[in-house]
Structures are given as structure tokens and as C-alpha cells.
C-alpha atoms as a PDB file:
ATOM      1  CA  UNK A   1       2.166  -1.158 -52.649  1.00  0.00           C
ATOM      2  CA  UNK A   2       2.874   0.791 -49.483  1.00  0.00           C
ATOM      3  CA  UNK A   3      -0.583   0.740 -47.876  1.00  0.00           C
ATOM      4  CA  UNK A   4      -0.704  -2.190 -45.478  1.00  0.00           C
ATOM      5  CA  UNK A   5      -4.070  -1.085 -44.047  1.00  0.00           C
ATOM      6  CA  UNK A   6      -5.944  -2.036 -47.250  1.00  0.00           C
ATOM      7  CA  UNK A   7      -3.775  -4.965 -48.334  1.00  0.00           C
ATOM      8  CA  UNK A   8      -6.410  -7.450 -47.119  1.00  0.00           C
ATOM      9  CA  UNK A   9      -8.768  -6.263 -49.856  1.00  0.00           C
ATOM     10  CA  UNK A  10      -8.617  -7.947 -53.265  1.00  0.00           C
ATOM     11  CA  UNK A  11      -9.515  -4.697 -55.031  1.00  0.00           C
ATOM     12  CA  UNK A  12      -8.338  -3.723 -58.490  1.00  0.00           C
ATOM     13  CA  UNK A  13      -6.276  -0.844 -57.114  1.00  0.00           C
ATOM     14  CA  UNK A  14      -4.640  -3.092 -54.507  1.00  0.00           C
ATOM     15  CA  UNK A  15      -4.101  -6.448 -56.204  1.00  0.00           C
ATOM     16  CA  UNK A  16      -5.543  -6.480 -59.731  1.00  0.00           C
ATOM     17  CA  UNK A  17      -3.380  -3.682 -61.115  1.00  0.00           C
ATOM     18  CA  UNK A  18      -0.214  -5.756 -60.660  1.00  0.00           C
ATOM     19  CA  UNK A  19      -1.326  -8.035 -63.518  1.00  0.00           C
ATOM     20  CA  UNK A  20      -0.553  -5.166 -65.878  1.00  0.00           C
ATOM     21  CA  UNK A  21       2.795  -4.108 -64.435  1.00  0.00           C
ATOM     22  CA  UNK A  22       6.255  -5.428 -65.214  1.00  0.00           C
ATOM     23  CA  UNK A  23       7.766  -3.913 -62.075  1.00  0.00           C
ATOM     24  CA  UNK A  24       6.031  -4.293 -58.709  1.00  0.00           C
ATOM     25  CA  UNK A  25       7.385  -3.939 -55.194  1.00  0.00           C
ATOM     26  CA  UNK A  26       6.536  -3.413 -51.559  1.00  0.00           C
ATOM     27  CA  UNK A  27       7.067   0.052 -50.137  1.00  0.00           C
ATOM     28  CA  UNK A  28       9.023   0.713 -46.966  1.00  0.00           C
ATOM     29  CA  UNK A  29       5.931   0.736 -44.726  1.00  0.00           C
ATOM     30  CA  UNK A  30       4.551  -2.531 -46.098  1.00  0.00           C
ATOM     31  CA  UNK A  31       7.980  -4.110 -45.760  1.00  0.00           C
ATOM     32  CA  UNK A  32       8.188  -2.962 -42.136  1.00  0.00           C
ATOM     33  CA  UNK A  33       4.694  -4.273 -41.352  1.00  0.00           C
ATOM     34  CA  UNK A  34       5.502  -7.716 -42.766  1.00  0.00           C
ATOM     35  CA  UNK A  35       8.845  -7.776 -40.963  1.00  0.00           C
ATOM     36  CA  UNK A  36       7.145  -7.188 -37.611  1.00  0.00           C
ATOM     37  CA  UNK A  37       4.468  -9.750 -38.483  1.00  0.00           C
ATOM     38  CA  UNK A  38       7.182 -12.342 -39.050  1.00  0.00           C
ATOM     39  CA  UNK A  39       8.934 -11.421 -35.809  1.00  0.00           C
ATOM     40  CA  UNK A  40       5.783 -11.326 -33.683  1.00  0.00           C
ATOM     41  CA  UNK A  41       3.462 -13.947 -35.164  1.00  0.00           C
ATOM     42  CA  UNK A  42       5.080 -16.144 -37.817  1.00  0.00           C
ATOM     43  CA  UNK A  43       8.380 -16.736 -35.992  1.00  0.00           C
ATOM     44  CA  UNK A  44       8.065 -15.197 -32.513  1.00  0.00           C
ATOM     45  CA  UNK A  45      10.390 -15.441 -29.579  1.00  0.00           C
ATOM     46  CA  UNK A  46       8.669 -17.628 -26.996  1.00  0.00           C
ATOM     47  CA  UNK A  47       6.686 -17.468 -24.779  1.00  0.00           C
ATOM     48  CA  UNK A  48       4.159 -15.651 -26.969  1.00  0.00           C
ATOM     49  CA  UNK A  49       1.164 -13.920 -25.371  1.00  0.00           C
ATOM     50  CA  UNK A  50      -1.810 -12.771 -27.439  1.00  0.00           C
ATOM     51  CA  UNK A  51      -4.264 -10.236 -26.002  1.00  0.00           C
ATOM     52  CA  UNK A  52      -7.648 -10.006 -27.708  1.00  0.00           C
ATOM     53  CA  UNK A  53     -10.405  -7.571 -26.805  1.00  0.00           C
ATOM     54  CA  UNK A  54     -13.167  -5.637 -28.460  1.00  0.00           C
ATOM     55  CA  UNK A  55     -16.871  -6.265 -28.765  1.00  0.00           C
ATOM     56  CA  UNK A  56     -17.468  -9.534 -30.590  1.00  0.00           C
ATOM     57  CA  UNK A  57     -16.017 -13.039 -30.638  1.00  0.00           C
ATOM     58  CA  UNK A  58     -17.257 -13.398 -34.221  1.00  0.00           C
ATOM     59  CA  UNK A  59     -14.829 -10.751 -35.491  1.00  0.00           C
ATOM     60  CA  UNK A  60     -11.857 -12.469 -33.822  1.00  0.00           C
ATOM     61  CA  UNK A  61     -12.874 -16.118 -34.250  1.00  0.00           C
ATOM     62  CA  UNK A  62     -10.411 -16.881 -37.037  1.00  0.00           C
ATOM     63  CA  UNK A  63      -7.589 -15.168 -35.156  1.00  0.00           C
ATOM     64  CA  UNK A  64      -8.313 -17.113 -31.967  1.00  0.00           C
ATOM     65  CA  UNK A  65      -8.384 -20.460 -33.772  1.00  0.00           C
ATOM     66  CA  UNK A  66      -5.153 -19.811 -35.636  1.00  0.00           C
ATOM     67  CA  UNK A  67      -3.270 -18.335 -32.690  1.00  0.00           C
ATOM     68  CA  UNK A  68      -4.146 -21.311 -30.470  1.00  0.00           C
ATOM     69  CA  UNK A  69      -1.610 -23.202 -32.593  1.00  0.00           C
ATOM     70  CA  UNK A  70       1.080 -20.649 -31.770  1.00  0.00           C
ATOM     71  CA  UNK A  71       0.659 -19.136 -28.318  1.00  0.00           C
ATOM     72  CA  UNK A  72       1.528 -20.083 -24.778  1.00  0.00           C
ATOM     73  CA  UNK A  73      -0.783 -17.445 -23.268  1.00  0.00           C
ATOM     74  CA  UNK A  74      -4.095 -16.049 -24.521  1.00  0.00           C
ATOM     75  CA  UNK A  75      -5.785 -13.175 -22.699  1.00  0.00           C
ATOM     76  CA  UNK A  76      -9.402 -12.272 -23.444  1.00  0.00           C
ATOM     77  CA  UNK A  77     -10.988  -8.941 -22.527  1.00  0.00           C
ATOM     78  CA  UNK A  78     -13.593  -6.515 -23.772  1.00  0.00           C
ATOM     79  CA  UNK A  79     -17.225  -7.405 -24.375  1.00  0.00           C
ATOM     80  CA  UNK A  80     -16.155 -10.546 -26.230  1.00  0.00           C
ATOM     81  CA  UNK A  81     -15.143 -12.007 -22.860  1.00  0.00           C
ATOM     82  CA  UNK A  82     -18.834 -12.094 -21.885  1.00  0.00           C
ATOM     83  CA  UNK A  83     -19.567 -14.803 -24.441  1.00  0.00           C
ATOM     84  CA  UNK A  84     -16.751 -16.944 -23.060  1.00  0.00           C
ATOM     85  CA  UNK A  85     -17.899 -16.356 -19.474  1.00  0.00           C
ATOM     86  CA  UNK A  86     -21.510 -17.229 -20.262  1.00  0.00           C
ATOM     87  CA  UNK A  87     -20.315 -20.386 -22.019  1.00  0.00           C
ATOM     88  CA  UNK A  88     -18.797 -21.420 -18.686  1.00  0.00           C
ATOM     89  CA  UNK A  89     -22.067 -20.940 -16.825  1.00  0.00           C
ATOM     90  CA  UNK A  90     -21.586 -17.419 -15.471  1.00  0.00           C
ATOM     91  CA  UNK A  91     -24.580 -15.069 -15.415  1.00  0.00           C
ATOM     92  CA  UNK A  92     -23.452 -11.876 -17.129  1.00  0.00           C
ATOM     93  CA  UNK A  93     -26.652  -9.840 -16.821  1.00  0.00           C
ATOM     94  CA  UNK A  94     -27.408  -7.649 -19.830  1.00  0.00           C
ATOM     95  CA  UNK A  95     -23.810  -7.707 -21.053  1.00  0.00           C
ATOM     96  CA  UNK A  96     -23.263  -8.033 -24.787  1.00  0.00           C
ATOM     97  CA  UNK A  97     -23.201 -11.761 -25.602  1.00  0.00           C
ATOM     98  CA  UNK A  98     -23.216 -13.685 -28.880  1.00  0.00           C
ATOM     99  CA  UNK A  99     -25.477 -16.547 -27.848  1.00  0.00           C
ATOM    100  CA  UNK A 100     -25.032 -18.336 -31.163  1.00  0.00           C
ATOM    101  CA  UNK A 101     -21.318 -18.717 -30.366  1.00  0.00           C
ATOM    102  CA  UNK A 102     -21.594 -20.186 -26.856  1.00  0.00           C
ATOM    103  CA  UNK A 103     -20.812 -23.706 -28.077  1.00  0.00           C
ATOM    104  CA  UNK A 104     -17.899 -22.358 -30.099  1.00  0.00           C
ATOM    105  CA  UNK A 105     -16.564 -20.487 -27.068  1.00  0.00           C
ATOM    106  CA  UNK A 106     -16.703 -23.669 -24.978  1.00  0.00           C
ATOM    107  CA  UNK A 107     -14.927 -25.560 -27.745  1.00  0.00           C
ATOM    108  CA  UNK A 108     -12.131 -22.967 -27.910  1.00  0.00           C
ATOM    109  CA  UNK A 109     -11.586 -23.046 -24.147  1.00  0.00           C
ATOM    110  CA  UNK A 110     -11.384 -26.854 -24.222  1.00  0.00           C
ATOM    111  CA  UNK A 111      -9.007 -26.709 -27.178  1.00  0.00           C
ATOM    112  CA  UNK A 112      -6.746 -24.328 -25.275  1.00  0.00           C
ATOM    113  CA  UNK A 113      -6.737 -26.687 -22.279  1.00  0.00           C
ATOM    114  CA  UNK A 114      -5.886 -29.662 -24.498  1.00  0.00           C
ATOM    115  CA  UNK A 115      -2.949 -27.737 -25.952  1.00  0.00           C
ATOM    116  CA  UNK A 116      -1.692 -26.649 -22.521  1.00  0.00           C
ATOM    117  CA  UNK A 117      -2.324 -22.974 -23.249  1.00  0.00           C
ATOM    118  CA  UNK A 118      -2.974 -20.577 -20.376  1.00  0.00           C
ATOM    119  CA  UNK A 119      -6.356 -19.109 -21.406  1.00  0.00           C
ATOM    120  CA  UNK A 120      -7.287 -16.094 -19.278  1.00  0.00           C
ATOM    121  CA  UNK A 121     -10.787 -14.702 -18.765  1.00  0.00           C
ATOM    122  CA  UNK A 122     -11.901 -11.866 -16.451  1.00  0.00           C
ATOM    123  CA  UNK A 123     -12.489 -12.631 -12.771  1.00  0.00           C
ATOM    124  CA  UNK A 124     -14.152  -9.281 -12.095  1.00  0.00           C
ATOM    125  CA  UNK A 125     -15.501  -6.330 -14.040  1.00  0.00           C
ATOM    126  CA  UNK A 126     -16.675  -2.747 -13.853  1.00  0.00           C
ATOM    127  CA  UNK A 127     -20.424  -2.975 -14.443  1.00  0.00           C
ATOM    128  CA  UNK A 128     -23.259  -0.484 -14.763  1.00  0.00           C
ATOM    129  CA  UNK A 129     -26.999  -0.474 -15.315  1.00  0.00           C
ATOM    130  CA  UNK A 130     -26.655   1.567 -18.505  1.00  0.00           C
ATOM    131  CA  UNK A 131     -24.069   2.204 -21.189  1.00  0.00           C
ATOM    132  CA  UNK A 132     -23.779   5.988 -21.032  1.00  0.00           C
ATOM    133  CA  UNK A 133     -21.187   8.568 -20.082  1.00  0.00           C
ATOM    134  CA  UNK A 134     -23.259   9.301 -16.963  1.00  0.00           C
ATOM    135  CA  UNK A 135     -23.373   5.683 -15.767  1.00  0.00           C
ATOM    136  CA  UNK A 136     -21.877   4.941 -12.360  1.00  0.00           C
ATOM    137  CA  UNK A 137     -19.611   1.932 -12.739  1.00  0.00           C
ATOM    138  CA  UNK A 138     -19.185  -0.472  -9.831  1.00  0.00           C
ATOM    139  CA  UNK A 139     -16.733  -3.326  -9.391  1.00  0.00           C
ATOM    140  CA  UNK A 140     -18.400  -6.744  -9.465  1.00  0.00           C
ATOM    141  CA  UNK A 141     -16.933 -10.234  -9.481  1.00  0.00           C
ATOM    142  CA  UNK A 142     -18.064 -12.481 -12.317  1.00  0.00           C
ATOM    143  CA  UNK A 143     -20.177 -14.317  -9.724  1.00  0.00           C
ATOM    144  CA  UNK A 144     -22.384 -11.350  -8.820  1.00  0.00           C
ATOM    145  CA  UNK A 145     -23.155  -9.238 -11.879  1.00  0.00           C
ATOM    146  CA  UNK A 146     -26.718  -7.936 -11.315  1.00  0.00           C
ATOM    147  CA  UNK A 147     -29.321  -9.307 -13.713  1.00  0.00           C
ATOM    148  CA  UNK A 148     -30.064  -5.903 -15.257  1.00  0.00           C
ATOM    149  CA  UNK A 149     -26.441  -4.683 -15.369  1.00  0.00           C
ATOM    150  CA  UNK A 150     -23.727  -5.069 -17.984  1.00  0.00           C
ATOM    151  CA  UNK A 151     -19.955  -5.521 -17.819  1.00  0.00           C
ATOM    152  CA  UNK A 152     -18.215  -2.561 -19.476  1.00  0.00           C
ATOM    153  CA  UNK A 153     -14.582  -2.979 -18.406  1.00  0.00           C
ATOM    154  CA  UNK A 154     -12.333  -5.521 -16.743  1.00  0.00           C
ATOM    155  CA  UNK A 155     -11.962  -5.025 -12.998  1.00  0.00           C
ATOM    156  CA  UNK A 156      -8.830  -4.425 -10.887  1.00  0.00           C
ATOM    157  CA  UNK A 157      -8.347  -8.087  -9.935  1.00  0.00           C
ATOM    158  CA  UNK A 158      -8.463  -9.024 -13.618  1.00  0.00           C
ATOM    159  CA  UNK A 159      -6.010  -6.249 -14.489  1.00  0.00           C
ATOM    160  CA  UNK A 160      -3.578  -7.593 -11.903  1.00  0.00           C
ATOM    161  CA  UNK A 161      -4.073 -11.161 -13.136  1.00  0.00           C
ATOM    162  CA  UNK A 162      -3.360 -10.116 -16.724  1.00  0.00           C
ATOM    163  CA  UNK A 163      -0.284  -8.109 -15.721  1.00  0.00           C
ATOM    164  CA  UNK A 164       1.096 -11.155 -13.909  1.00  0.00           C
ATOM    165  CA  UNK A 165       0.333 -13.348 -16.932  1.00  0.00           C
ATOM    166  CA  UNK A 166       2.616 -11.172 -19.082  1.00  0.00           C
ATOM    167  CA  UNK A 167       5.600 -11.534 -16.763  1.00  0.00           C
ATOM    168  CA  UNK A 168       8.382 -13.394 -18.516  1.00  0.00           C
ATOM    169  CA  UNK A 169       6.881 -13.462 -22.020  1.00  0.00           C
ATOM    170  CA  UNK A 170       9.144 -12.630 -24.952  1.00  0.00           C
ATOM    171  CA  UNK A 171       6.519 -11.512 -27.476  1.00  0.00           C
ATOM    172  CA  UNK A 172       3.158  -9.743 -27.068  1.00  0.00           C
ATOM    173  CA  UNK A 173       0.535  -9.309 -29.801  1.00  0.00           C
ATOM    174  CA  UNK A 174      -2.480  -7.155 -28.902  1.00  0.00           C
ATOM    175  CA  UNK A 175      -5.698  -6.366 -30.761  1.00  0.00           C
ATOM    176  CA  UNK A 176      -8.765  -4.855 -29.100  1.00  0.00           C
ATOM    177  CA  UNK A 177      -9.377  -2.821 -25.908  1.00  0.00           C
ATOM    178  CA  UNK A 178     -10.377  -4.332 -22.566  1.00  0.00           C
ATOM    179  CA  UNK A 179     -13.543  -2.264 -22.202  1.00  0.00           C
ATOM    180  CA  UNK A 180     -15.459   0.828 -23.294  1.00  0.00           C
ATOM    181  CA  UNK A 181     -12.356   2.996 -22.891  1.00  0.00           C
ATOM    182  CA  UNK A 182     -13.973   5.966 -24.641  1.00  0.00           C
ATOM    183  CA  UNK A 183     -15.939   6.532 -21.408  1.00  0.00           C
ATOM    184  CA  UNK A 184     -13.619   7.507 -18.552  1.00  0.00           C
ATOM    185  CA  UNK A 185     -15.141   5.311 -15.850  1.00  0.00           C
ATOM    186  CA  UNK A 186     -14.745   2.254 -18.095  1.00  0.00           C
ATOM    187  CA  UNK A 187     -11.225   3.005 -19.320  1.00  0.00           C
ATOM    188  CA  UNK A 188      -9.079   1.897 -16.398  1.00  0.00           C
ATOM    189  CA  UNK A 189      -8.770  -1.744 -17.439  1.00  0.00           C
ATOM    190  CA  UNK A 190      -7.576  -0.839 -20.921  1.00  0.00           C
ATOM    191  CA  UNK A 191      -5.163   1.785 -19.597  1.00  0.00           C
ATOM    192  CA  UNK A 192      -3.747  -0.691 -17.093  1.00  0.00           C
ATOM    193  CA  UNK A 193      -3.117  -3.113 -19.943  1.00  0.00           C
ATOM    194  CA  UNK A 194      -1.305  -0.341 -21.831  1.00  0.00           C
ATOM    195  CA  UNK A 195       0.891   0.150 -18.770  1.00  0.00           C
ATOM    196  CA  UNK A 196       1.640  -3.575 -18.553  1.00  0.00           C
ATOM    197  CA  UNK A 197       2.486  -3.973 -22.238  1.00  0.00           C
ATOM    198  CA  UNK A 198       4.546  -0.782 -22.440  1.00  0.00           C
ATOM    199  CA  UNK A 199       6.524  -1.735 -19.314  1.00  0.00           C
ATOM    200  CA  UNK A 200       7.316  -5.216 -20.621  1.00  0.00           C
ATOM    201  CA  UNK A 201      10.750  -5.856 -22.171  1.00  0.00           C
ATOM    202  CA  UNK A 202       9.032  -8.195 -24.656  1.00  0.00           C
ATOM    203  CA  UNK A 203       8.686  -7.394 -28.341  1.00  0.00           C
ATOM    204  CA  UNK A 204       5.215  -5.851 -28.572  1.00  0.00           C
ATOM    205  CA  UNK A 205       3.104  -5.354 -31.675  1.00  0.00           C
ATOM    206  CA  UNK A 206      -0.328  -3.752 -31.521  1.00  0.00           C
ATOM    207  CA  UNK A 207      -2.961  -3.529 -34.242  1.00  0.00           C
ATOM    208  CA  UNK A 208      -6.450  -2.139 -34.747  1.00  0.00           C
ATOM    209  CA  UNK A 209      -7.781   1.401 -34.759  1.00  0.00           C
ATOM    210  CA  UNK A 210      -9.297   1.306 -31.264  1.00  0.00           C
ATOM    211  CA  UNK A 211      -6.186  -0.200 -29.690  1.00  0.00           C
ATOM    212  CA  UNK A 212      -3.906   2.300 -31.388  1.00  0.00           C
ATOM    213  CA  UNK A 213      -6.184   5.160 -30.308  1.00  0.00           C
ATOM    214  CA  UNK A 214      -6.083   3.851 -26.752  1.00  0.00           C
ATOM    215  CA  UNK A 215      -2.284   3.731 -26.711  1.00  0.00           C
ATOM    216  CA  UNK A 216      -2.028   7.221 -28.177  1.00  0.00           C
ATOM    217  CA  UNK A 217      -4.541   8.443 -25.577  1.00  0.00           C
ATOM    218  CA  UNK A 218      -2.290   7.003 -22.869  1.00  0.00           C
ATOM    219  CA  UNK A 219       0.801   8.638 -24.395  1.00  0.00           C
ATOM    220  CA  UNK A 220       2.561   5.286 -24.620  1.00  0.00           C
ATOM    221  CA  UNK A 221       3.183   4.947 -28.368  1.00  0.00           C
ATOM    222  CA  UNK A 222       6.943   5.301 -27.923  1.00  0.00           C
ATOM    223  CA  UNK A 223       6.984   2.362 -25.490  1.00  0.00           C
ATOM    224  CA  UNK A 224       5.422  -0.128 -27.929  1.00  0.00           C
ATOM    225  CA  UNK A 225       7.787  -1.947 -30.296  1.00  0.00           C
ATOM    226  CA  UNK A 226       5.458  -1.466 -33.252  1.00  0.00           C
ATOM    227  CA  UNK A 227       1.959  -0.086 -33.793  1.00  0.00           C
ATOM    228  CA  UNK A 228       0.534  -1.575 -36.967  1.00  0.00           C
ATOM    229  CA  UNK A 229      -1.356   0.700 -39.336  1.00  0.00           C
ATOM    230  CA  UNK A 230      -3.756  -2.127 -40.159  1.00  0.00           C
ATOM    231  CA  UNK A 231      -6.991  -3.276 -38.584  1.00  0.00           C
ATOM    232  CA  UNK A 232      -8.563  -5.789 -40.949  1.00  0.00           C
ATOM    233  CA  UNK A 233      -5.182  -6.578 -42.512  1.00  0.00           C
ATOM    234  CA  UNK A 234      -3.647  -7.166 -39.083  1.00  0.00           C
ATOM    235  CA  UNK A 235      -6.469  -9.545 -38.125  1.00  0.00           C
ATOM    236  CA  UNK A 236      -6.200 -11.401 -41.431  1.00  0.00           C
ATOM    237  CA  UNK A 237      -2.539 -12.119 -40.704  1.00  0.00           C
ATOM    238  CA  UNK A 238      -3.503 -13.299 -37.220  1.00  0.00           C
ATOM    239  CA  UNK A 239      -5.984 -15.636 -38.912  1.00  0.00           C
ATOM    240  CA  UNK A 240      -3.083 -17.205 -40.814  1.00  0.00           C
ATOM    241  CA  UNK A 241      -4.296 -15.932 -44.180  1.00  0.00           C
ATOM    242  CA  UNK A 242      -2.326 -14.301 -46.971  1.00  0.00           C
ATOM    243  CA  UNK A 243      -2.978 -10.684 -47.898  1.00  0.00           C
ATOM    244  CA  UNK A 244      -4.070 -10.186 -51.536  1.00  0.00           C
ATOM    245  CA  UNK A 245      -2.122  -6.937 -51.714  1.00  0.00           C
ATOM    246  CA  UNK A 246       1.059  -8.736 -50.669  1.00  0.00           C
ATOM    247  CA  UNK A 247       0.707 -11.911 -52.726  1.00  0.00           C
ATOM    248  CA  UNK A 248       0.061  -9.753 -55.802  1.00  0.00           C
ATOM    249  CA  UNK A 249       3.640  -8.490 -55.521  1.00  0.00           C
ATOM    250  CA  UNK A 250       5.158 -11.956 -55.858  1.00  0.00           C
END
């Protein structure tokens, strides 16, 4: 098996076929992926910072829970930050929120506090009254997002806060952009995070299609220690689960 990106799927062509083979082995790419996983997540140099972005808390819930047992710093961005902010009593306008996970978000923040983890949420954002390429984004603090507006990127104060949070860390794991980077006026927060991670001397591993696309867009791929080819497989490892395509090789 040399396709890490599908190794989280227990398909016949990924895992089942090994039941009928006498010789089975990991290819060079899969071996490299698992080596960087061990260096960045299983046995990282400390302090370890995890950056999580993207749209929904629900897609990263398992990763957050598992990584809270491993990290010193957790940074939350993207639309998923809105659910955490609303759970803390902030009015986030028409921003994307998973209301059914507000209690869970509060629980995770309290868990991080109990463990002494620095858990970072946005302090400002770039908001707009519509999610279109023509929308005029304006910087708003998390205290004054208009009722009919939505947060579409982290703001400059948040970018600075997150850059400072990464100072001195030894390992960085990143999955998910900080905003709607595909639209220029909502890309600055994500690009600033690319700059911070690529400038850090820490071991950095990045996973997920959107995050990899963002880094390639910024021309910073050569400044990242490793860009994983996996999205779902990368997240499954962050969740602390075994990959069927890897265990089938044992």
C-alpha cells in the first residue's frame, strides 16, 4: 500500500486484499507519512501547537478531543470558531454555527482550561453582509459583529495573537484554513498563518486538501516540513485511531 490518502477506508482494495497475500508492505510514501505522524503527533517535540480551521466543529470533534491530551497550544480558526465563540456568549450574527454543538464546545474549552492548555479563539474577524466574491469585508471585533453579518476570516489582531502563540513551539500540526481563503478579501488571515508557520523553526506538518491548496497558493510548500497527502486519513490519525490500510499490513 502506497496510498496514504485512502488508507482510512476499510475497502477491499485497501485492506481486504491483504487477507489473500503472503507478502504485504508499505510503500515509500506511506512509510514517510507514518514517520512524520510519529514525529509530529505520536511522539512530538514539545511544546506542540495544533491549528484547526475549516467550516465545522463536527468534522474535527474527534481530533480536538484526542489532541487535548497531547498539546500545549490549540488554535481555532475558520467558521468552526464561530461555534466556540457563541458557546462563550458572543453574538456572531449570521455566521455559520453548529447550535447542536454549543454545549460540546463549552465542554472542550473547560477541558482545555483544566488541562492547562492555551486554547486560542479569534478576538476579531473580517465580516461581511453576504458570502460572495463581491462582498466588502470589514474588520470587526468579536464584540460588535452586526446581527445580519457573518465572520468570513480571522482579523489582524487575531492573526498577530496566533503568530505570537507559535513563538517557541517545537512542533506544529495544522489542518483547515482560517477563513474563506478562496475569496481574496477573506484570505489574509489564512495567508498570515502560512507566513507564521513557514517562518517557524518548528517541525511543521500540514494536512487536508484546502490547507495544502492554501500553502501552494502562497508559494510556501518548500518552507513546510511535510505536507501530508491525506485529508480524512490525516484527521483519523489526529483522532487517535488506526488506519485500516495500515493495520492490514501488519
